[in-house]
Structures are given as structure tokens and as C-alpha cells.
């Protein structure tokens, strides 16, 4: 009797190992879009399902959160980017900014992802920190129009503050205007900022019309 029980335990342990391998394969093969439930039944058979409510089932793989504020890193297609042209044009005219500059900032900041959230908490297309967003808008930073208009307003403020010095304005957009002022009206020594400014300027220059 004890030998039979030991054999059954070994069989169940082996099935559990197989279950773990199957689940690992599912995770590596694709991102789960729904919860996966599973169990090893009394005969050692592995049972998997994506239907909740089955007796004895446990969650094996949980689906990713569907929150609109989850960080996203995939780069949209050109068609995705083109849907923001109207608000970019509006912001360009309202705040006297070149549309190419706005496009460059948006591309570097969020790759045109209106739901992007950085590790530091910057939000939306132009990646505005909550405090900065409140200074320049009372809108929803996950609303593309609210976000672009707020970002453009901030960029215009920075260009005015630094007398249209684009490098300093972009450095301040990344690190904050006080950081630029403390650095003696130079680009701060932060590695991120020193990388950010030339990246935006390079994209900006590439977007300018050939005749410029």
C-alpha cells in the first residue's frame, strides 16, 4: 500500500513538472491575453483551460493588467503617428513652434504612444511630469490634444526663458529649467540630458524640409 502511494506521489510530481514545463512554454511563446487555469487530476492528467470557474483549478498564468496607464514601449506605425497631425498643427500655430520640433520631441519622448508612462512617472505623448502638467494644463495627460498643447506651452515657455536657445530649452524640457540655470545656463552634466538634446535635434533636423 505504501509502495502504491509512493508511486502515485511520484507520478503526480512528474505530471506537475510537465505542467510547469507546459506553462513555461506558453509564457515564452506569447504574452498571455487571458488567465490560464490548470491542475493535475487524480489520474495524473494535466488539465489546462482559459475558462474561469472550473472546480479545483488554480491560476497558472495571470493576464497582464489592462490599465491604460501601463507602460508601453512598442513603436506605432506611421499611420498611428499621422493621427496626431491636427493637434501638432494646432499647437504649432498657438505657441509659435515649428511642427518639426514638436514631432521630434514626441518621437523621442514617447514614440507617439499617447498612453506611455515612464519609470519616473512622465505621462503621454510629450511625457510631462505631473507637476509640470499641472503648471501648464488642467487637462488629461492621456488625452493627446491636452498633452500636446500642454507640452507645447511648456516648450514655448522654455524657449522664451532661454532666449530661443533650442539646446538649452530642450535640456530644460528633459531636466527642468532650474537644472539648466544651476548649471550656469549650460546643458547639465546629467548623462540622460546630454544624450537627449542631440537626439531630439537630430530628429528635428531630419524632419525639416529639404529647402531649409
N, C-alpha and C. Protein backbone atom coordinates (compact mmCIF):
# COMPACT_ATOMS: atom_id res chain seq x y z
N UNK A 1 0.84 -1.21 0.00
CA UNK A 1 0.00 0.00 0.00
C UNK A 1 0.87 1.25 0.00
N UNK A 2 1.92 1.18 0.88
CA UNK A 2 2.81 2.34 0.93
C UNK A 2 3.54 2.50 -0.40
N UNK A 3 3.93 1.40 -1.03
CA UNK A 3 4.60 1.48 -2.32
C UNK A 3 3.70 2.07 -3.38
N UNK A 4 2.40 1.70 -3.36
CA UNK A 4 1.44 2.26 -4.32
C UNK A 4 1.30 3.76 -4.14
N UNK A 5 1.23 4.19 -2.87
CA UNK A 5 1.10 5.61 -2.59
C UNK A 5 2.33 6.37 -3.06
N UNK A 6 3.50 5.76 -2.82
CA UNK A 6 4.74 6.41 -3.24
C UNK A 6 4.80 6.55 -4.75
N UNK A 7 4.34 5.50 -5.47
CA UNK A 7 4.32 5.56 -6.93
C UNK A 7 3.39 6.65 -7.42
N UNK A 8 2.21 6.77 -6.76
CA UNK A 8 1.24 7.79 -7.17
C UNK A 8 1.79 9.19 -6.93
N UNK A 9 2.49 9.35 -5.77
CA UNK A 9 3.08 10.66 -5.50
C UNK A 9 4.14 10.99 -6.54
N UNK A 10 4.94 10.01 -6.91
CA UNK A 10 5.99 10.24 -7.91
C UNK A 10 5.38 10.59 -9.25
N UNK A 11 4.27 9.89 -9.58
CA UNK A 11 3.59 10.15 -10.85
C UNK A 11 3.03 11.57 -10.87
N UNK A 12 2.44 11.98 -9.73
CA UNK A 12 1.87 13.33 -9.64
C UNK A 12 2.97 14.38 -9.73
N UNK A 13 4.11 14.09 -9.04
CA UNK A 13 5.23 15.04 -9.09
C UNK A 13 5.74 15.19 -10.51
N UNK A 14 5.81 14.03 -11.23
CA UNK A 14 6.26 14.07 -12.61
C UNK A 14 5.30 14.87 -13.47
N UNK A 15 3.99 14.67 -13.25
CA UNK A 15 2.99 15.42 -14.01
C UNK A 15 3.09 16.89 -13.70
N UNK A 16 3.36 17.23 -12.42
CA UNK A 16 3.50 18.64 -12.05
C UNK A 16 4.68 19.27 -12.77
N UNK A 17 5.76 18.49 -12.91
CA UNK A 17 6.92 19.00 -13.64
C UNK A 17 6.57 19.26 -15.09
N UNK A 18 5.81 18.32 -15.67
CA UNK A 18 5.38 18.52 -17.06
C UNK A 18 4.50 19.75 -17.17
N UNK A 19 3.58 19.93 -16.19
CA UNK A 19 2.71 21.10 -16.18
C UNK A 19 3.53 22.37 -16.15
N UNK A 20 4.55 22.39 -15.28
CA UNK A 20 5.40 23.58 -15.20
C UNK A 20 6.08 23.85 -16.53
N UNK A 21 6.53 22.80 -17.20
CA UNK A 21 7.19 22.96 -18.49
C UNK A 21 6.23 23.49 -19.54
N UNK A 22 4.99 22.96 -19.52
CA UNK A 22 3.98 23.42 -20.48
C UNK A 22 3.68 24.89 -20.28
N UNK A 23 3.48 25.26 -19.00
CA UNK A 23 3.16 26.66 -18.69
C UNK A 23 4.32 27.56 -19.09
N UNK A 24 5.55 27.15 -18.79
CA UNK A 24 6.70 27.95 -19.17
C UNK A 24 6.74 28.15 -20.67
N UNK A 25 6.41 27.11 -21.41
CA UNK A 25 6.36 27.24 -22.86
C UNK A 25 5.33 28.24 -23.31
N UNK A 26 4.17 28.23 -22.66
CA UNK A 26 3.12 29.18 -23.00
C UNK A 26 3.57 30.61 -22.75
N UNK A 27 4.24 30.82 -21.60
CA UNK A 27 4.70 32.17 -21.26
C UNK A 27 5.74 32.66 -22.23
N UNK A 28 6.69 31.76 -22.59
CA UNK A 28 7.75 32.17 -23.51
C UNK A 28 7.26 32.35 -24.93
N UNK A 29 6.26 31.57 -25.30
CA UNK A 29 5.79 31.60 -26.69
C UNK A 29 5.01 32.86 -26.99
N UNK A 30 4.20 33.32 -26.02
CA UNK A 30 3.39 34.50 -26.29
C UNK A 30 2.97 35.13 -24.99
N UNK A 31 2.60 36.42 -25.06
CA UNK A 31 2.08 37.10 -23.88
C UNK A 31 0.67 36.61 -23.65
N UNK A 32 0.36 36.27 -22.41
CA UNK A 32 -0.99 35.79 -22.11
C UNK A 32 -1.99 36.90 -22.22
N UNK A 33 -3.08 36.65 -22.95
CA UNK A 33 -4.13 37.63 -23.11
C UNK A 33 -5.31 37.33 -22.19
N UNK A 34 -5.29 36.14 -21.55
CA UNK A 34 -6.32 35.78 -20.59
C UNK A 34 -5.67 34.91 -19.53
N UNK A 35 -6.30 34.83 -18.34
CA UNK A 35 -5.78 33.95 -17.30
C UNK A 35 -5.80 32.50 -17.79
N UNK A 36 -4.78 31.73 -17.43
CA UNK A 36 -4.74 30.31 -17.73
C UNK A 36 -4.86 29.56 -16.40
N UNK A 37 -5.83 28.66 -16.32
CA UNK A 37 -6.07 27.88 -15.11
C UNK A 37 -5.61 26.44 -15.37
N UNK A 38 -5.15 25.76 -14.33
CA UNK A 38 -4.68 24.40 -14.53
C UNK A 38 -4.69 23.58 -13.26
N UNK A 39 -4.58 22.28 -13.44
CA UNK A 39 -4.47 21.34 -12.32
C UNK A 39 -3.95 20.01 -12.86
N UNK A 40 -3.52 19.16 -11.94
CA UNK A 40 -3.20 17.77 -12.26
C UNK A 40 -4.28 16.93 -11.59
N UNK A 41 -5.07 16.19 -12.37
CA UNK A 41 -6.19 15.46 -11.76
C UNK A 41 -5.70 14.19 -11.07
N UNK A 42 -6.65 13.43 -10.50
CA UNK A 42 -6.31 12.27 -9.67
C UNK A 42 -5.59 11.17 -10.43
N UNK A 43 -5.70 11.17 -11.75
CA UNK A 43 -5.02 10.15 -12.56
C UNK A 43 -3.69 10.65 -13.10
N UNK A 44 -3.33 11.89 -12.74
CA UNK A 44 -2.07 12.45 -13.21
C UNK A 44 -2.16 13.18 -14.52
N UNK A 45 -3.37 13.35 -15.06
CA UNK A 45 -3.55 14.04 -16.33
C UNK A 45 -3.50 15.55 -16.11
N UNK A 46 -2.76 16.25 -16.96
CA UNK A 46 -2.67 17.71 -16.88
C UNK A 46 -3.89 18.32 -17.56
N UNK A 47 -4.55 19.23 -16.85
CA UNK A 47 -5.73 19.91 -17.39
C UNK A 47 -5.45 21.41 -17.41
N UNK A 48 -5.56 22.03 -18.56
CA UNK A 48 -5.39 23.48 -18.72
C UNK A 48 -6.62 24.07 -19.38
N UNK A 49 -7.00 25.27 -18.98
CA UNK A 49 -8.14 25.94 -19.59
C UNK A 49 -8.01 27.44 -19.39
N UNK A 50 -8.67 28.20 -20.27
CA UNK A 50 -8.75 29.65 -20.06
C UNK A 50 -10.14 30.06 -19.60
N UNK A 51 -10.94 29.09 -19.20
CA UNK A 51 -12.29 29.35 -18.72
C UNK A 51 -12.31 29.37 -17.20
N UNK A 52 -12.62 30.51 -16.57
CA UNK A 52 -12.64 30.58 -15.12
C UNK A 52 -13.82 29.80 -14.54
N UNK A 53 -13.74 29.51 -13.23
CA UNK A 53 -14.87 28.90 -12.53
C UNK A 53 -14.85 27.40 -12.51
N UNK A 54 -13.85 26.75 -13.09
CA UNK A 54 -13.78 25.30 -13.09
C UNK A 54 -13.31 24.81 -11.72
N UNK A 55 -13.94 23.78 -11.20
CA UNK A 55 -13.63 23.27 -9.87
C UNK A 55 -12.20 22.76 -9.79
N UNK A 56 -11.52 23.18 -8.72
CA UNK A 56 -10.17 22.69 -8.46
C UNK A 56 -9.09 23.37 -9.27
N UNK A 57 -9.45 24.30 -10.14
CA UNK A 57 -8.46 24.96 -10.97
C UNK A 57 -7.79 26.11 -10.21
N UNK A 58 -6.52 26.31 -10.48
CA UNK A 58 -5.79 27.44 -9.93
C UNK A 58 -5.23 28.27 -11.08
N UNK A 59 -5.03 29.57 -10.83
CA UNK A 59 -4.44 30.43 -11.86
C UNK A 59 -2.98 30.04 -12.04
N UNK A 60 -2.63 29.66 -13.27
CA UNK A 60 -1.25 29.29 -13.58
C UNK A 60 -0.51 30.47 -14.20
N UNK A 61 -1.16 31.16 -15.13
CA UNK A 61 -0.59 32.35 -15.76
C UNK A 61 -1.64 33.44 -15.70
N UNK A 62 -1.32 34.57 -15.09
CA UNK A 62 -2.27 35.69 -15.00
C UNK A 62 -2.11 36.59 -16.20
N UNK A 63 -3.22 37.10 -16.70
CA UNK A 63 -3.17 38.02 -17.83
C UNK A 63 -2.56 39.33 -17.39
N UNK A 64 -1.90 40.06 -18.31
CA UNK A 64 -1.31 41.34 -17.96
C UNK A 64 -2.39 42.35 -17.64
N UNK A 65 -2.08 43.38 -16.80
CA UNK A 65 -3.09 44.38 -16.47
C UNK A 65 -3.53 45.13 -17.70
N UNK A 66 -4.81 45.52 -17.73
CA UNK A 66 -5.35 46.22 -18.89
C UNK A 66 -5.40 47.72 -18.68
N UNK A 67 -4.78 48.19 -17.58
CA UNK A 67 -4.82 49.61 -17.27
C UNK A 67 -4.25 50.42 -18.42
N UNK A 68 -4.95 51.50 -18.76
CA UNK A 68 -4.50 52.35 -19.86
C UNK A 68 -3.21 53.07 -19.49
N UNK A 69 -2.82 53.06 -18.21
CA UNK A 69 -1.62 53.74 -17.79
C UNK A 69 -0.42 52.80 -17.70
N UNK A 70 -0.58 51.56 -18.14
CA UNK A 70 0.55 50.64 -18.14
C UNK A 70 1.59 51.13 -19.13
N UNK A 71 2.85 50.96 -18.77
CA UNK A 71 3.92 51.41 -19.65
C UNK A 71 3.92 50.59 -20.92
N UNK A 72 4.05 51.24 -22.06
CA UNK A 72 4.08 50.57 -23.35
C UNK A 72 5.30 51.06 -24.10
N UNK A 73 5.96 50.14 -24.79
CA UNK A 73 7.21 50.52 -25.45
C UNK A 73 7.22 50.27 -26.95
N UNK A 74 6.16 49.69 -27.49
CA UNK A 74 6.16 49.39 -28.93
C UNK A 74 6.02 50.67 -29.73
N UNK A 75 6.70 50.72 -30.85
CA UNK A 75 6.67 51.90 -31.69
C UNK A 75 5.50 51.82 -32.67
N UNK A 76 4.62 52.82 -32.67
CA UNK A 76 3.48 52.79 -33.58
C UNK A 76 3.92 52.90 -35.03
N UNK A 77 3.01 52.60 -35.92
CA UNK A 77 3.28 52.74 -37.35
C UNK A 77 3.15 54.20 -37.75
N UNK A 78 3.54 54.51 -39.00
CA UNK A 78 3.40 55.88 -39.49
C UNK A 78 1.94 56.31 -39.48
N UNK A 79 1.02 55.37 -39.72
CA UNK A 79 -0.41 55.71 -39.69
C UNK A 79 -0.82 56.15 -38.29
N UNK A 80 -0.26 55.49 -37.26
CA UNK A 80 -0.56 55.89 -35.89
C UNK A 80 -0.07 57.30 -35.62
N UNK A 81 1.14 57.62 -36.09
CA UNK A 81 1.71 58.94 -35.87
C UNK A 81 0.90 60.01 -36.59
N UNK A 82 0.39 59.69 -37.76
CA UNK A 82 -0.30 60.69 -38.56
C UNK A 82 -1.60 61.17 -37.94
N UNK A 83 -2.16 60.38 -37.03
CA UNK A 83 -3.43 60.78 -36.44
C UNK A 83 -3.28 61.98 -35.51
N UNK A 84 -2.03 62.34 -35.16
CA UNK A 84 -1.80 63.46 -34.26
C UNK A 84 -1.41 64.74 -35.02
N UNK A 85 -1.45 64.70 -36.34
CA UNK A 85 -1.03 65.85 -37.12
C UNK A 85 -1.88 67.09 -36.85
N UNK A 86 -3.18 66.91 -36.65
CA UNK A 86 -4.06 68.06 -36.44
C UNK A 86 -3.70 68.80 -35.16
N UNK A 87 -3.49 68.07 -34.07
CA UNK A 87 -3.17 68.74 -32.81
C UNK A 87 -1.74 69.30 -32.84
N UNK A 88 -0.84 68.65 -33.55
CA UNK A 88 0.51 69.20 -33.70
C UNK A 88 0.45 70.53 -34.45
N UNK A 89 -0.35 70.57 -35.49
CA UNK A 89 -0.52 71.82 -36.24
C UNK A 89 -1.14 72.90 -35.36
N UNK A 90 -2.14 72.53 -34.57
CA UNK A 90 -2.79 73.49 -33.66
C UNK A 90 -1.79 74.03 -32.64
N UNK A 91 -1.01 73.14 -32.04
CA UNK A 91 -0.03 73.56 -31.04
C UNK A 91 1.06 74.41 -31.67
N UNK A 92 1.46 74.05 -32.88
CA UNK A 92 2.49 74.81 -33.59
C UNK A 92 2.04 76.25 -33.82
N UNK A 93 0.81 76.41 -34.26
CA UNK A 93 0.29 77.76 -34.53
C UNK A 93 0.04 78.53 -33.24
N UNK A 94 -0.53 77.86 -32.25
CA UNK A 94 -0.88 78.54 -31.00
C UNK A 94 0.35 79.03 -30.24
N UNK A 95 1.40 78.23 -30.23
CA UNK A 95 2.55 78.57 -29.40
C UNK A 95 3.80 78.93 -30.22
N UNK A 96 3.60 79.18 -31.50
CA UNK A 96 4.69 79.65 -32.37
C UNK A 96 5.89 78.70 -32.32
N UNK A 97 5.61 77.44 -32.55
CA UNK A 97 6.64 76.42 -32.57
C UNK A 97 6.65 75.71 -33.92
N UNK A 98 7.82 75.33 -34.38
CA UNK A 98 7.88 74.56 -35.62
C UNK A 98 7.26 73.17 -35.39
N UNK A 99 6.40 72.72 -36.28
CA UNK A 99 5.83 71.39 -36.10
C UNK A 99 6.89 70.30 -36.08
N UNK A 100 7.99 70.53 -36.82
CA UNK A 100 9.07 69.54 -36.84
C UNK A 100 9.69 69.37 -35.45
N UNK A 101 9.77 70.46 -34.69
CA UNK A 101 10.31 70.37 -33.34
C UNK A 101 9.37 69.56 -32.44
N UNK A 102 8.08 69.82 -32.56
CA UNK A 102 7.12 69.07 -31.76
C UNK A 102 7.16 67.59 -32.12
N UNK A 103 7.24 67.28 -33.40
CA UNK A 103 7.29 65.88 -33.82
C UNK A 103 8.55 65.20 -33.28
N UNK A 104 9.66 65.92 -33.30
CA UNK A 104 10.91 65.35 -32.81
C UNK A 104 10.83 65.05 -31.32
N UNK A 105 10.27 65.98 -30.56
CA UNK A 105 10.14 65.78 -29.11
C UNK A 105 9.22 64.58 -28.84
N UNK A 106 8.09 64.54 -29.52
CA UNK A 106 7.14 63.44 -29.31
C UNK A 106 7.77 62.10 -29.66
N UNK A 107 8.50 62.06 -30.77
CA UNK A 107 9.12 60.81 -31.21
C UNK A 107 10.12 60.31 -30.17
N UNK A 108 10.98 61.19 -29.71
CA UNK A 108 11.99 60.79 -28.72
C UNK A 108 11.36 60.46 -27.38
N UNK A 109 10.36 61.25 -27.00
CA UNK A 109 9.77 61.08 -25.67
C UNK A 109 8.92 59.81 -25.57
N UNK A 110 8.05 59.58 -26.55
CA UNK A 110 7.07 58.50 -26.39
C UNK A 110 6.90 57.61 -27.61
N UNK A 111 7.58 57.93 -28.71
CA UNK A 111 7.37 57.21 -29.97
C UNK A 111 5.90 57.21 -30.36
N UNK A 112 5.27 58.33 -30.12
CA UNK A 112 3.86 58.55 -30.49
C UNK A 112 2.89 57.62 -29.75
N UNK A 113 3.26 57.23 -28.55
CA UNK A 113 2.36 56.41 -27.73
C UNK A 113 1.63 57.32 -26.74
N UNK A 114 0.34 57.59 -26.94
CA UNK A 114 -0.38 58.53 -26.06
C UNK A 114 -0.61 57.99 -24.65
N UNK A 115 -0.41 56.70 -24.44
CA UNK A 115 -0.60 56.10 -23.11
C UNK A 115 0.71 55.80 -22.41
N UNK A 116 1.82 56.29 -22.95
CA UNK A 116 3.12 55.98 -22.38
C UNK A 116 3.28 56.56 -20.98
N UNK A 117 3.92 55.79 -20.12
CA UNK A 117 4.27 56.24 -18.77
C UNK A 117 5.72 55.83 -18.53
N UNK A 118 6.55 56.79 -18.17
CA UNK A 118 7.96 56.48 -17.93
C UNK A 118 8.14 55.92 -16.53
N UNK A 119 9.33 55.40 -16.28
CA UNK A 119 9.64 54.87 -14.95
C UNK A 119 9.57 55.97 -13.89
N UNK A 120 9.79 57.22 -14.30
CA UNK A 120 9.74 58.33 -13.35
C UNK A 120 8.35 58.94 -13.23
N UNK A 121 7.41 58.46 -14.05
CA UNK A 121 6.04 58.95 -13.95
C UNK A 121 5.63 59.98 -14.97
N UNK A 122 6.47 60.24 -15.99
CA UNK A 122 6.10 61.17 -17.05
C UNK A 122 5.01 60.55 -17.91
N UNK A 123 4.10 61.39 -18.40
CA UNK A 123 2.86 60.89 -19.00
C UNK A 123 2.67 61.31 -20.45
N UNK A 124 2.12 60.41 -21.24
CA UNK A 124 1.57 60.74 -22.55
C UNK A 124 2.58 61.01 -23.64
N UNK A 125 2.07 61.58 -24.72
CA UNK A 125 2.86 61.79 -25.93
C UNK A 125 4.14 62.58 -25.67
N UNK A 126 4.02 63.68 -24.91
CA UNK A 126 5.17 64.55 -24.68
C UNK A 126 5.79 64.31 -23.31
N UNK A 127 5.37 63.23 -22.64
CA UNK A 127 5.99 62.78 -21.40
C UNK A 127 6.17 63.90 -20.38
N UNK A 128 5.05 64.46 -19.96
CA UNK A 128 5.07 65.53 -18.97
C UNK A 128 4.97 64.94 -17.57
N UNK A 129 5.83 65.41 -16.68
CA UNK A 129 5.73 65.04 -15.29
C UNK A 129 4.45 65.67 -14.71
N UNK A 130 3.81 65.00 -13.75
CA UNK A 130 2.55 65.52 -13.21
C UNK A 130 2.62 66.96 -12.74
N UNK A 131 3.70 67.35 -12.06
CA UNK A 131 3.82 68.73 -11.58
C UNK A 131 3.89 69.72 -12.75
N UNK A 132 4.63 69.36 -13.77
CA UNK A 132 4.73 70.23 -14.94
C UNK A 132 3.40 70.30 -15.66
N UNK A 133 2.73 69.17 -15.78
CA UNK A 133 1.41 69.15 -16.43
C UNK A 133 0.44 70.08 -15.72
N UNK A 134 0.47 70.09 -14.39
CA UNK A 134 -0.44 70.97 -13.64
C UNK A 134 -0.09 72.44 -13.83
N UNK A 135 1.19 72.73 -14.07
CA UNK A 135 1.59 74.12 -14.30
C UNK A 135 1.05 74.66 -15.62
N UNK A 136 0.94 73.78 -16.61
CA UNK A 136 0.63 74.26 -17.95
C UNK A 136 -0.70 73.75 -18.51
N UNK A 137 -1.45 73.01 -17.71
CA UNK A 137 -2.73 72.49 -18.20
C UNK A 137 -3.54 71.96 -17.03
N UNK A 138 -4.86 71.98 -17.22
CA UNK A 138 -5.73 71.29 -16.27
C UNK A 138 -6.42 70.11 -16.96
N UNK A 139 -5.83 69.68 -18.08
CA UNK A 139 -6.43 68.62 -18.88
C UNK A 139 -5.93 67.23 -18.48
N UNK A 140 -6.33 66.25 -19.26
CA UNK A 140 -5.99 64.85 -19.07
C UNK A 140 -4.75 64.55 -19.91
N UNK A 141 -3.66 64.18 -19.25
CA UNK A 141 -2.42 63.96 -19.98
C UNK A 141 -2.42 62.70 -20.83
N UNK A 142 -3.45 61.87 -20.71
CA UNK A 142 -3.60 60.74 -21.61
C UNK A 142 -4.51 61.07 -22.78
N UNK A 143 -4.99 62.31 -22.82
CA UNK A 143 -5.73 62.81 -23.98
C UNK A 143 -4.71 63.47 -24.90
N UNK A 144 -4.54 63.00 -26.12
CA UNK A 144 -3.47 63.52 -26.98
C UNK A 144 -3.50 65.03 -27.16
N UNK A 145 -4.69 65.60 -27.34
CA UNK A 145 -4.76 67.05 -27.55
C UNK A 145 -4.32 67.80 -26.30
N UNK A 146 -4.84 67.40 -25.15
CA UNK A 146 -4.45 68.06 -23.89
C UNK A 146 -2.95 67.95 -23.67
N UNK A 147 -2.41 66.78 -23.94
CA UNK A 147 -0.99 66.55 -23.69
C UNK A 147 -0.10 67.37 -24.61
N UNK A 148 -0.40 67.36 -25.91
CA UNK A 148 0.44 68.08 -26.86
C UNK A 148 0.36 69.58 -26.63
N UNK A 149 -0.82 70.09 -26.35
CA UNK A 149 -0.95 71.53 -26.09
C UNK A 149 -0.20 71.92 -24.82
N UNK A 150 -0.27 71.09 -23.79
CA UNK A 150 0.47 71.39 -22.55
C UNK A 150 1.96 71.32 -22.78
N UNK A 151 2.42 70.28 -23.51
CA UNK A 151 3.84 70.17 -23.79
C UNK A 151 4.35 71.30 -24.64
N UNK A 152 3.56 71.71 -25.62
CA UNK A 152 3.96 72.82 -26.49
C UNK A 152 4.01 74.13 -25.70
N UNK A 153 3.06 74.30 -24.82
CA UNK A 153 3.06 75.51 -23.99
C UNK A 153 4.31 75.56 -23.10
N UNK A 154 4.68 74.42 -22.55
CA UNK A 154 5.88 74.35 -21.72
C UNK A 154 7.13 74.61 -22.57
N UNK A 155 7.18 74.04 -23.75
CA UNK A 155 8.33 74.25 -24.63
C UNK A 155 8.46 75.71 -25.04
N UNK A 156 7.32 76.36 -25.31
CA UNK A 156 7.35 77.79 -25.63
C UNK A 156 7.87 78.61 -24.45
N UNK A 157 7.42 78.26 -23.25
CA UNK A 157 7.89 78.92 -22.03
C UNK A 157 9.41 78.79 -21.91
N UNK A 158 9.93 77.60 -22.17
CA UNK A 158 11.37 77.37 -22.05
C UNK A 158 12.16 78.12 -23.11
N UNK A 159 11.65 78.15 -24.33
CA UNK A 159 12.33 78.91 -25.38
C UNK A 159 12.36 80.40 -25.06
N UNK A 160 11.28 80.92 -24.50
CA UNK A 160 11.26 82.33 -24.09
C UNK A 160 12.24 82.57 -22.95
N UNK A 161 12.26 81.63 -21.99
CA UNK A 161 13.13 81.77 -20.83
C UNK A 161 14.60 81.78 -21.23
N UNK A 162 14.95 80.93 -22.20
CA UNK A 162 16.35 80.81 -22.61
C UNK A 162 16.63 81.51 -23.94
N UNK A 163 15.78 82.51 -24.24
CA UNK A 163 16.02 83.40 -25.39
C UNK A 163 16.20 82.63 -26.69
N UNK A 164 15.29 81.68 -26.93
CA UNK A 164 15.24 80.89 -28.15
C UNK A 164 16.47 80.02 -28.38
N UNK A 165 17.22 79.75 -27.33
CA UNK A 165 18.32 78.79 -27.42
C UNK A 165 17.71 77.39 -27.35
N UNK A 166 17.63 76.73 -28.51
CA UNK A 166 16.93 75.45 -28.58
C UNK A 166 17.61 74.37 -27.74
N UNK A 167 18.94 74.37 -27.71
CA UNK A 167 19.65 73.36 -26.93
C UNK A 167 19.31 73.49 -25.45
N UNK A 168 19.33 74.72 -24.93
CA UNK A 168 19.02 74.92 -23.51
C UNK A 168 17.55 74.62 -23.22
N UNK A 169 16.68 74.99 -24.15
CA UNK A 169 15.25 74.71 -23.95
C UNK A 169 14.99 73.21 -23.89
N UNK A 170 15.63 72.47 -24.77
CA UNK A 170 15.45 71.02 -24.76
C UNK A 170 16.08 70.38 -23.53
N UNK A 171 17.24 70.91 -23.12
CA UNK A 171 17.86 70.41 -21.89
C UNK A 171 16.93 70.64 -20.70
N UNK A 172 16.29 71.80 -20.67
CA UNK A 172 15.36 72.12 -19.59
C UNK A 172 14.10 71.26 -19.68
N UNK A 173 13.67 70.96 -20.89
CA UNK A 173 12.50 70.09 -21.05
C UNK A 173 12.78 68.72 -20.44
N UNK A 174 14.02 68.26 -20.56
CA UNK A 174 14.38 66.95 -20.03
C UNK A 174 14.70 66.99 -18.54
N UNK A 175 15.46 68.00 -18.11
CA UNK A 175 15.98 68.02 -16.74
C UNK A 175 15.31 69.05 -15.84
N UNK A 176 14.52 69.96 -16.44
CA UNK A 176 13.92 71.03 -15.66
C UNK A 176 14.70 72.32 -15.83
N UNK A 177 13.99 73.43 -15.87
CA UNK A 177 14.67 74.71 -16.11
C UNK A 177 15.64 75.07 -15.00
N UNK A 178 15.33 74.69 -13.77
CA UNK A 178 16.23 75.03 -12.67
C UNK A 178 17.58 74.33 -12.79
N UNK A 179 17.57 73.13 -13.34
CA UNK A 179 18.83 72.41 -13.53
C UNK A 179 19.72 73.14 -14.53
N UNK A 180 19.13 73.69 -15.57
CA UNK A 180 19.90 74.44 -16.57
C UNK A 180 20.43 75.73 -15.96
N UNK A 181 19.61 76.38 -15.18
CA UNK A 181 20.04 77.63 -14.53
C UNK A 181 21.17 77.34 -13.55
N UNK A 182 21.03 76.27 -12.74
CA UNK A 182 22.09 75.92 -11.78
C UNK A 182 23.39 75.56 -12.49
N UNK A 183 23.28 75.03 -13.72
CA UNK A 183 24.48 74.67 -14.48
C UNK A 183 25.11 75.88 -15.16
N UNK A 184 24.63 77.07 -14.83
CA UNK A 184 25.19 78.28 -15.41
C UNK A 184 24.71 78.55 -16.82
N UNK A 185 23.44 78.21 -17.06
CA UNK A 185 22.82 78.37 -18.39
C UNK A 185 23.59 77.56 -19.44
N UNK A 186 23.93 76.35 -19.02
CA UNK A 186 24.53 75.37 -19.92
C UNK A 186 23.77 74.06 -19.78
N UNK A 187 24.00 73.14 -20.71
CA UNK A 187 23.36 71.82 -20.60
C UNK A 187 23.92 71.12 -19.36
N UNK A 188 23.06 70.68 -18.45
CA UNK A 188 23.56 70.00 -17.25
C UNK A 188 24.35 68.75 -17.61
N UNK A 189 25.15 68.30 -16.66
CA UNK A 189 26.05 67.17 -16.92
C UNK A 189 25.37 65.81 -16.80
N UNK A 190 24.05 65.79 -16.59
CA UNK A 190 23.36 64.50 -16.49
C UNK A 190 23.53 63.72 -17.80
N UNK A 191 23.96 62.47 -17.74
CA UNK A 191 24.14 61.68 -18.98
C UNK A 191 22.87 61.61 -19.81
N UNK A 192 21.71 61.44 -19.15
CA UNK A 192 20.46 61.35 -19.91
C UNK A 192 20.20 62.62 -20.70
N UNK A 193 20.42 63.78 -20.06
CA UNK A 193 20.17 65.05 -20.73
C UNK A 193 21.15 65.29 -21.86
N UNK A 194 22.41 64.94 -21.64
CA UNK A 194 23.42 65.13 -22.68
C UNK A 194 23.17 64.21 -23.88
N UNK A 195 22.50 63.12 -23.66
CA UNK A 195 22.11 62.24 -24.77
C UNK A 195 20.82 62.72 -25.42
N UNK A 196 19.90 63.22 -24.60
CA UNK A 196 18.57 63.61 -25.07
C UNK A 196 18.63 64.78 -26.06
N UNK A 197 19.38 65.81 -25.73
CA UNK A 197 19.40 67.02 -26.57
C UNK A 197 19.83 66.71 -28.00
N UNK A 198 20.97 66.07 -28.23
CA UNK A 198 21.35 65.78 -29.62
C UNK A 198 20.39 64.83 -30.33
N UNK A 199 19.77 63.91 -29.59
CA UNK A 199 18.80 63.01 -30.23
C UNK A 199 17.61 63.78 -30.77
N UNK A 200 17.09 64.69 -29.99
CA UNK A 200 15.94 65.48 -30.46
C UNK A 200 16.36 66.39 -31.60
N UNK A 201 17.50 67.03 -31.48
CA UNK A 201 17.96 67.94 -32.53
C UNK A 201 18.21 67.19 -33.84
N UNK A 202 18.75 65.98 -33.75
CA UNK A 202 18.99 65.19 -34.96
C UNK A 202 17.66 64.86 -35.65
N UNK A 203 16.67 64.43 -34.88
CA UNK A 203 15.38 64.13 -35.48
C UNK A 203 14.74 65.38 -36.04
N UNK A 204 14.86 66.48 -35.32
CA UNK A 204 14.30 67.76 -35.78
C UNK A 204 14.89 68.16 -37.13
N UNK A 205 16.19 68.09 -37.24
CA UNK A 205 16.85 68.49 -38.49
C UNK A 205 16.48 67.57 -39.65
N UNK A 206 16.31 66.28 -39.35
CA UNK A 206 15.91 65.34 -40.39
C UNK A 206 14.47 65.60 -40.88
N UNK A 207 13.65 66.16 -40.01
CA UNK A 207 12.26 66.42 -40.37
C UNK A 207 12.07 67.74 -41.11
N UNK A 208 13.07 68.61 -41.04
CA UNK A 208 12.95 69.90 -41.72
C UNK A 208 12.88 69.70 -43.24
N UNK A 209 12.10 70.55 -43.92
CA UNK A 209 12.06 70.46 -45.39
C UNK A 209 13.45 70.59 -45.99
N UNK A 210 13.66 69.94 -47.09
CA UNK A 210 14.97 69.93 -47.73
C UNK A 210 15.47 71.33 -48.07
N UNK A 211 14.55 72.25 -48.30
CA UNK A 211 14.95 73.61 -48.69
C UNK A 211 15.37 74.46 -47.51
N UNK A 212 15.15 73.95 -46.27
CA UNK A 212 15.50 74.75 -45.08
C UNK A 212 16.99 74.81 -44.89
